[in-house]
Amino acid sequence: MRVVSVLTMLLLVAVVVLPVALHAQPAPTARPEAQQQRPAPAAPEVPAVPAKPGVPLAIEHLGGDAVGGSLAYKLKDLAGRSSLFQLSTADEKRLKLLVRTVEEFRDRPNEASVYSVVWVYSESESTLKYFLDVESGLVFAGTTDEKAQALLSKTQELASRYGYLFE
């Protein structure tokens, strides 16, 4: 009876314990020469922030009149939706539109504004800005969309003309 129990125990060890023990052994490693011959895989290059194509552009408005504020808002809205521009507040190379507006007449504040737009190129906030162009005129409450489109069209012309500054 003892022989049967010993044989049963050996059979149990051979069937259950040995396969588990063999499975737990580490896989054989490659030779050091073979490991040195394989080049290390290169780390994938992942850009931190995908860059939006377009010219970096900052629009700064100074003025408290309603029509001028509407013009500045429409400029920023159109530039933000355009694939030609990238609205930017970062300290980088960019075009800047300096927009100054005042109401045409104090007694009629919501009808028209006098505007002045100065286009400058900025390398960074700590450097001197380069004057590119200037425009001034009147904008009426019903024509802010058209005026904003005309000013952005001129901005694109200037960006094309002075594109070498961004290289």
Foldseek 3Di string as FASTA:
>chain_A
DVVVVVVVVVVCCVPPVVVVVVVPDDDDDDDPVVVVVDDDDDDDDDDPDDDQDAFEEEEAEDEDFDQQVVLSVLLVVVQVPDSHYDHDPDFAWGKYWYKYWYAPDPVCRQFKIKIKIWIWIHHGPPDDIHTDDMDIDMDTNVCSNVVSVVVVVVVSVSCVVPVVVRD
